[in-house]
Amino acid sequence: MITRRILLAAAPLAGCTASTAAPTVPATASLPPPVPQGAAPPEYEAVTSVSFERFVDGVKTEGRRRGLSATMLNTAFAGIRPNQRVIALDRRQAEGGMQWEEYRDRIMVSPTRVQNGRRNYAENAELLRRIEARFNVSPRVIVAIWGVETNFGGNTGGFKVVEALSTLAWEGRRASYFRTELFAALKILDDGHIRNDRMLGSWAGAMGQPQFMPTNFERLAVDFDGDGRRDIWDSRPDALASIANYFQRNGWRRNEPWGLAVTPPSGFSAAGADTAMRPMREFSRMGFRTEAGGPLPDGPEAQVVLPNRGSGQVFLGHHNLRVIRRYNSPVNYGLSVGLLSDRVA
């Protein structure tokens, strides 16, 4: 996910949706082979006729008109150049072809991720309680998002955000979108939330432990530790509270489940599945059971949700699954976050 995300091949580090559109390949997946330094991806020369230096000069000029510090602008752009790796990744982005079961078990809800999730949940229990008290968002989903986006803060991306966004804004294919994100990033620097050398993120400009795009940072990042800065890179309280704020602002319903895996009734056809929202008791009357074969729990309205590229697993998803997918829209991402949230605590 969310307007903040673009469709990314190297997700989640390619941009959150608290950042941009939707990755389906997780951060641990292999990236395409790097483009040799100085080599140009296909169609590279035809994308823009303006030199990168002239583009940067124009951004600096506009930045000063917007009231940004000349010193900050000079520092932010010192030594940057078009990043060929960023362009290559942008051109190669595509929906991942991984089967749902492999994506779920080997990557997103792997035993290692579950174990690390439980450890991080326990280590941050007091902080998570305070965040829940303020934002009314489940600590489980906060930890799950943290885990799938950046491996609990351990893999936040190694690209210079200003350089990556400048490259994408100059390269031209989605210039307007990335130019807006670039000026939002420069405003973050100008406001002193993070040093230029620490503003690292994904190739698409998603930043910090929640992988927020800069415009989402402007709207949703939180100074939870009270130091006057919204530091989603190095402050765990700020990062986790910002995830909670994102969910609260997108309609998370406290104490409601996200959904569950179910066994459909005999004769159920995925091809013709009705995805209308219904009371849980209606699904019970239709013959749906839990995946283990028991009666369905009572709960809020739900709808049938089917993984992409799955081999038959069926879910009933509640409103909160929709909220998870506003963070990052692919259905397999949303289901994985929900499953991981069930298992971390």
Protein backbone atom coordinates (compact mmCIF):
# COMPACT_ATOMS: atom_id res chain seq x y z
CA MET A 1 0.00 0.00 0.00
CA ILE A 2 -2.68 3.49 -0.21
CA THR A 3 -1.55 6.21 -2.48
CA ARG A 4 1.89 6.26 -0.86
CA ARG A 5 3.07 3.04 -2.47
CA ILE A 6 3.93 2.12 -5.99
CA LEU A 7 3.93 -1.47 -7.19
CA LEU A 8 7.28 -2.74 -6.03
CA ALA A 9 9.43 -5.70 -6.83
CA ALA A 10 11.74 -5.48 -3.84
CA ALA A 11 9.17 -5.11 -1.11
CA PRO A 12 8.59 -4.14 1.59
CA LEU A 13 11.77 -2.07 1.38
CA ALA A 14 10.68 -0.71 -1.95
CA GLY A 15 8.28 1.63 -0.24
CA CYS A 16 5.53 1.43 2.27
CA THR A 17 2.69 2.20 1.87
CA ALA A 18 2.80 3.81 4.83
CA SER A 19 4.90 4.40 2.04
CA THR A 20 3.63 3.70 -1.74
CA ALA A 21 1.83 0.90 -3.68
CA ALA A 22 2.12 -2.72 -3.16
CA PRO A 23 5.00 -5.07 -2.91
CA THR A 24 4.37 -8.76 -3.10
CA VAL A 25 7.97 -9.90 -2.77
CA PRO A 26 9.35 -9.39 0.74
CA ALA A 27 12.46 -7.58 1.84
CA THR A 28 14.41 -10.81 2.12
CA ALA A 29 13.88 -11.73 -1.53
CA SER A 30 16.75 -11.42 -3.97
CA LEU A 31 17.00 -8.20 -5.91
CA PRO A 32 17.72 -8.14 -9.65
CA PRO A 33 21.43 -8.08 -10.55
CA PRO A 34 22.87 -4.58 -10.25
CA VAL A 35 23.36 -2.41 -13.30
CA PRO A 36 27.11 -1.80 -13.87
CA GLN A 37 28.22 1.68 -12.88
CA GLY A 38 27.68 4.02 -15.81
CA ALA A 39 25.52 1.58 -17.77
CA ALA A 40 22.05 2.66 -18.84
CA PRO A 41 18.89 0.56 -18.43
CA PRO A 42 16.71 0.14 -21.53
CA GLU A 43 15.09 3.38 -22.71
CA TYR A 44 17.17 5.33 -20.20
CA GLU A 45 18.33 8.01 -22.63
CA ALA A 46 14.85 8.62 -24.00
CA VAL A 47 13.17 9.36 -20.68
CA THR A 48 14.37 12.90 -20.05
CA SER A 49 16.20 15.55 -22.05
CA VAL A 50 17.19 17.69 -19.06
CA SER A 51 20.59 17.09 -17.50
CA PHE A 52 20.59 15.91 -13.92
CA GLU A 53 22.64 18.93 -12.87
CA ARG A 54 20.08 21.29 -14.38
CA PHE A 55 17.29 19.35 -12.71
CA VAL A 56 19.00 19.67 -9.32
CA ASP A 57 19.57 23.40 -9.83
CA GLY A 58 15.85 23.77 -10.53
CA VAL A 59 14.91 21.86 -7.39
CA LYS A 60 17.22 24.04 -5.30
CA THR A 61 15.75 27.20 -6.78
CA GLU A 62 12.21 26.04 -6.11
CA GLY A 63 13.20 24.88 -2.64
CA ARG A 64 14.50 28.34 -1.73
CA ARG A 65 11.24 29.85 -3.02
CA ARG A 66 9.40 27.47 -0.69
CA GLY A 67 11.44 28.76 2.22
CA LEU A 68 13.84 25.85 2.58
CA SER A 69 17.30 26.59 3.90
CA ALA A 70 19.98 27.08 1.26
CA THR A 71 22.49 25.40 3.58
CA MET A 72 20.27 22.35 3.92
CA LEU A 73 19.69 22.19 0.17
CA ASN A 74 23.40 22.36 -0.57
CA THR A 75 24.12 19.64 1.98
CA ALA A 76 21.30 17.39 0.78
CA PHE A 77 22.41 17.54 -2.84
CA ALA A 78 26.16 17.46 -2.28
CA GLY A 79 27.71 14.70 -4.37
CA ILE A 80 24.47 13.07 -5.52
CA ARG A 81 24.09 11.72 -9.03
CA PRO A 82 21.54 9.67 -10.95
CA ASN A 83 21.39 6.29 -9.25
CA GLN A 84 21.39 3.65 -11.97
CA ARG A 85 20.33 0.97 -9.52
CA VAL A 86 17.21 2.94 -8.64
CA ILE A 87 16.29 3.31 -12.31
CA ALA A 88 16.87 -0.38 -12.94
CA LEU A 89 14.66 -1.40 -10.03
CA ASP A 90 11.93 1.03 -11.09
CA ARG A 91 11.89 -0.44 -14.61
CA ARG A 92 11.80 -4.03 -13.38
CA GLN A 93 9.06 -3.73 -10.79
CA ALA A 94 6.29 -6.29 -11.17
CA GLU A 95 3.89 -8.43 -9.20
CA GLY A 96 5.82 -11.28 -7.65
CA GLY A 97 4.97 -14.71 -8.98
CA MET A 98 5.50 -16.55 -5.70
CA GLN A 99 2.78 -18.97 -4.66
CA TRP A 100 0.78 -17.90 -1.60
CA GLU A 101 1.89 -20.85 0.51
CA GLU A 102 5.58 -20.23 -0.14
CA TYR A 103 5.22 -16.50 0.41
CA ARG A 104 3.38 -17.15 3.67
CA ASP A 105 5.51 -19.93 5.14
CA ARG A 106 9.01 -19.23 3.82
CA ILE A 107 8.99 -15.44 3.90
CA MET A 108 6.28 -13.49 5.68
CA VAL A 109 5.19 -15.84 8.47
CA SER A 110 8.31 -17.96 8.66
CA PRO A 111 9.27 -19.60 11.98
CA THR A 112 12.17 -17.16 12.29
CA ARG A 113 9.95 -14.12 11.80
CA VAL A 114 7.40 -15.44 14.28
CA GLN A 115 10.14 -16.11 16.85
CA ASN A 116 11.64 -12.65 16.36
CA GLY A 117 8.18 -11.14 16.54
CA ARG A 118 7.48 -12.76 19.88
CA ARG A 119 10.81 -11.61 21.26
CA ASN A 120 10.29 -8.03 20.08
CA TYR A 121 6.72 -8.02 21.38
CA ALA A 122 7.92 -9.09 24.81
CA GLU A 123 10.90 -6.72 24.89
CA ASN A 124 8.70 -3.74 23.97
CA ALA A 125 5.60 -4.69 25.97
CA GLU A 126 5.54 -1.56 28.12
CA LEU A 127 6.06 0.76 25.15
CA LEU A 128 3.40 -1.06 23.15
CA ARG A 129 0.93 -0.73 26.04
CA ARG A 130 1.46 3.04 26.10
CA ILE A 131 1.03 3.27 22.33
CA GLU A 132 -2.16 1.21 22.47
CA ALA A 133 -3.54 3.45 25.21
CA ARG A 134 -3.05 6.50 23.03
CA PHE A 135 -4.01 5.17 19.59
CA ASN A 136 -6.38 2.25 20.34
CA VAL A 137 -4.52 0.02 17.88
CA SER A 138 -3.56 -3.58 18.63
CA PRO A 139 0.13 -4.01 19.54
CA ARG A 140 0.05 -7.27 17.62
CA VAL A 141 -0.61 -5.60 14.28
CA ILE A 142 1.97 -2.89 15.04
CA VAL A 143 4.63 -5.55 15.64
CA ALA A 144 3.53 -7.52 12.56
CA ILE A 145 3.84 -4.47 10.29
CA TRP A 146 7.21 -3.65 11.83
CA GLY A 147 8.31 -7.20 11.16
CA VAL A 148 7.25 -7.51 7.53
CA GLU A 149 8.28 -4.00 6.51
CA THR A 150 11.80 -3.86 7.95
CA ASN A 151 12.43 -7.07 9.91
CA PHE A 152 11.77 -5.26 13.19
CA GLY A 153 13.92 -2.28 12.21
CA GLY A 154 16.88 -4.37 11.08
CA ASN A 155 16.58 -3.70 7.35
CA THR A 156 15.36 -0.19 6.63
CA GLY A 157 17.11 0.30 3.30
CA GLY A 158 20.48 1.61 2.23
CA PHE A 159 19.60 4.17 -0.43
CA LYS A 160 20.06 7.89 0.16
CA VAL A 161 16.47 9.09 0.08
CA VAL A 162 17.19 12.44 -1.57
CA GLU A 163 19.30 10.79 -4.25
CA ALA A 164 16.73 8.06 -4.92
CA LEU A 165 13.81 10.49 -5.14
CA SER A 166 15.81 12.95 -7.23
CA THR A 167 16.68 10.15 -9.64
CA LEU A 168 13.05 9.09 -10.00
CA ALA A 169 11.74 12.66 -10.26
CA TRP A 170 14.35 13.49 -12.93
CA GLU A 171 14.05 10.20 -14.81
CA GLY A 172 10.57 11.28 -15.79
CA ARG A 173 8.25 8.30 -15.88
CA ARG A 174 6.43 9.42 -12.71
CA ALA A 175 8.10 12.77 -12.29
CA SER A 176 5.23 14.62 -10.63
CA TYR A 177 4.69 11.99 -7.93
CA PHE A 178 8.35 11.68 -7.02
CA ARG A 179 8.98 15.43 -7.20
CA THR A 180 6.27 15.89 -4.56
CA GLU A 181 7.92 13.22 -2.42
CA LEU A 182 11.33 14.84 -2.91
CA PHE A 183 10.19 18.22 -1.58
CA ALA A 184 8.50 16.48 1.35
CA ALA A 185 11.82 14.76 2.13
CA LEU A 186 13.69 18.06 1.95
CA LYS A 187 11.17 19.60 4.35
CA ILE A 188 11.84 16.77 6.82
CA LEU A 189 15.55 17.59 6.67
CA ASP A 190 14.91 21.31 6.98
CA ASP A 191 12.76 20.74 10.07
CA GLY A 192 15.60 18.81 11.71
CA HIS A 193 13.84 15.48 12.22
CA ILE A 194 16.82 13.52 10.85
CA ARG A 195 20.34 14.28 9.65
CA ASN A 196 21.00 14.08 5.93
CA ASP A 197 23.46 11.20 6.34
CA ARG A 198 20.87 9.21 8.32
CA MET A 199 18.00 9.75 5.84
CA LEU A 200 18.23 6.32 4.27
CA GLY A 201 15.46 4.19 2.84
CA SER A 202 14.30 2.05 -0.04
CA TRP A 203 15.07 2.65 -3.70
CA ALA A 204 11.59 4.22 -4.03
CA GLY A 205 12.09 6.59 -1.10
CA ALA A 206 10.24 4.74 1.68
CA MET A 207 11.89 5.62 4.95
CA GLY A 208 12.70 4.31 8.37
CA GLN A 209 11.33 1.42 10.38
CA PRO A 210 7.70 1.91 9.20
CA GLN A 211 8.78 2.55 5.55
CA PHE A 212 6.79 5.78 5.22
CA MET A 213 6.99 7.80 2.05
CA PRO A 214 7.89 11.43 2.87
CA THR A 215 4.38 12.78 2.32
CA ASN A 216 3.04 10.17 4.74
CA PHE A 217 5.71 11.18 7.21
CA GLU A 218 4.36 14.74 7.04
CA ARG A 219 0.83 13.58 7.85
CA LEU A 220 1.36 10.61 10.13
CA ALA A 221 4.76 10.42 11.80
CA VAL A 222 4.65 10.92 15.58
CA ASP A 223 7.09 12.28 18.16
CA PHE A 224 6.25 9.73 20.84
CA ASP A 225 9.46 10.01 22.84
CA GLY A 226 8.95 13.77 23.28
CA ASP A 227 12.36 14.94 22.04
CA GLY A 228 10.90 17.39 19.53
CA ARG A 229 11.77 15.28 16.48
CA ARG A 230 9.76 12.68 14.61
CA ASP A 231 12.53 10.14 14.15
CA ILE A 232 11.20 6.98 12.49
CA TRP A 233 14.75 5.81 11.76
CA ASP A 234 16.41 5.55 15.16
CA SER A 235 13.64 6.11 17.73
CA ARG A 236 11.66 2.95 18.35
CA PRO A 237 8.89 4.84 20.22
CA ASP A 238 8.47 7.24 17.29
CA ALA A 239 8.54 4.45 14.71
CA LEU A 240 6.02 2.17 16.41
CA ALA A 241 3.69 5.01 17.41
CA SER A 242 3.76 6.26 13.83
CA ILE A 243 2.57 2.85 12.62
CA ALA A 244 -0.21 3.00 15.21
CA ASN A 245 -1.18 6.50 14.11
CA TYR A 246 -1.38 5.32 10.51
CA PHE A 247 -3.80 2.57 11.52
CA GLN A 248 -5.87 4.81 13.74
CA ARG A 249 -6.22 7.42 11.00
CA ASN A 250 -7.29 4.71 8.55
CA GLY A 251 -10.12 3.38 10.68
CA TRP A 252 -8.73 0.56 12.84
CA ARG A 253 -11.42 -0.81 15.14
CA ARG A 254 -10.14 -1.63 18.59
CA ASN A 255 -10.76 -5.14 19.94
CA GLU A 256 -12.03 -6.42 16.60
CA PRO A 257 -10.27 -9.31 14.81
CA TRP A 258 -8.86 -9.01 11.31
CA GLY A 259 -10.14 -12.39 10.10
CA LEU A 260 -9.40 -16.10 10.12
CA ALA A 261 -8.70 -19.07 7.88
CA VAL A 262 -11.77 -21.24 7.31
CA THR A 263 -12.92 -24.48 5.73
CA PRO A 264 -15.61 -23.67 3.13
CA PRO A 265 -18.73 -25.77 2.67
CA SER A 266 -18.93 -28.62 0.20
CA GLY A 267 -19.37 -27.35 -3.33
CA PHE A 268 -17.62 -24.02 -2.66
CA SER A 269 -16.06 -22.59 -5.82
CA ALA A 270 -13.31 -20.01 -5.59
CA ALA A 271 -14.07 -18.86 -9.13
CA GLY A 272 -17.61 -17.89 -8.21
CA ALA A 273 -17.10 -16.90 -4.59
CA ASP A 274 -19.46 -14.22 -3.27
CA THR A 275 -17.36 -11.57 -1.50
CA ALA A 276 -20.23 -9.59 0.01
CA MET A 277 -19.97 -8.61 3.68
CA ARG A 278 -22.20 -10.83 5.83
CA PRO A 279 -22.74 -11.53 9.54
CA MET A 280 -20.65 -14.43 10.82
CA ARG A 281 -23.80 -16.37 11.67
CA GLU A 282 -24.71 -16.41 7.97
CA PHE A 283 -21.39 -17.98 7.11
CA SER A 284 -22.07 -20.57 9.82
CA ARG A 285 -25.47 -21.34 8.30
CA MET A 286 -23.83 -21.70 4.87
CA GLY A 287 -21.53 -24.39 6.28
CA PHE A 288 -18.28 -22.53 6.83
CA ARG A 289 -16.16 -23.84 9.70
CA THR A 290 -12.83 -22.90 11.21
CA GLU A 291 -9.80 -24.36 9.45
CA ALA A 292 -9.59 -26.95 12.24
CA GLY A 293 -13.22 -27.91 11.64
CA GLY A 294 -14.84 -26.18 14.60
CA PRO A 295 -17.73 -23.70 14.69
CA LEU A 296 -17.02 -20.14 13.60
CA PRO A 297 -16.53 -17.62 16.40
CA ASP A 298 -18.96 -14.77 16.80
CA GLY A 299 -17.68 -11.49 15.46
CA PRO A 300 -18.21 -8.52 13.16
CA GLU A 301 -19.31 -8.84 9.56
CA ALA A 302 -16.89 -10.57 7.24
CA GLN A 303 -16.35 -11.43 3.59
CA VAL A 304 -14.69 -14.29 1.74
CA VAL A 305 -11.05 -13.46 0.95
CA LEU A 306 -8.93 -15.63 -1.33
CA PRO A 307 -5.13 -15.39 -1.57
CA ASN A 308 -3.61 -14.70 -4.96
CA ARG A 309 -1.81 -17.70 -6.47
CA GLY A 310 -3.08 -19.91 -3.66
CA SER A 311 -3.82 -23.60 -3.59
CA GLY A 312 -7.20 -23.48 -1.93
CA GLN A 313 -6.86 -21.71 1.41
CA VAL A 314 -9.90 -19.56 2.20
CA PHE A 315 -10.29 -16.72 4.70
CA LEU A 316 -13.07 -14.66 6.17
CA GLY A 317 -11.85 -11.08 6.48
CA HIS A 318 -13.29 -8.37 8.72
CA HIS A 319 -13.05 -4.59 8.46
CA ASN A 320 -9.59 -4.53 10.05
CA LEU A 321 -8.14 -6.61 7.20
CA ARG A 322 -9.17 -3.78 4.89
CA VAL A 323 -7.31 -1.37 7.16
CA ILE A 324 -4.18 -3.52 7.01
CA ARG A 325 -4.41 -3.43 3.22
CA ARG A 326 -4.48 0.37 3.28
CA TYR A 327 -0.91 0.14 4.55
CA ASN A 328 -0.02 -2.04 1.56
CA SER A 329 -2.74 -3.17 -0.80
CA PRO A 330 -1.97 -6.72 -2.06
CA VAL A 331 -4.25 -9.30 -0.51
CA ASN A 332 -1.37 -11.68 0.26
CA TYR A 333 0.41 -8.93 2.18
CA GLY A 334 -2.69 -8.20 4.24
CA LEU A 335 -3.33 -11.86 5.04
CA SER A 336 0.30 -12.38 6.00
CA VAL A 337 0.28 -9.43 8.38
CA GLY A 338 -2.92 -10.74 9.93
CA LEU A 339 -1.50 -14.23 10.41
CA LEU A 340 1.76 -12.90 11.84
CA SER A 341 -0.16 -10.64 14.23
CA ASP A 342 -1.98 -13.73 15.55
CA ARG A 343 1.28 -15.51 16.27
CA VAL A 344 3.51 -12.82 17.81
CA ALA A 345 1.70 -12.70 21.15
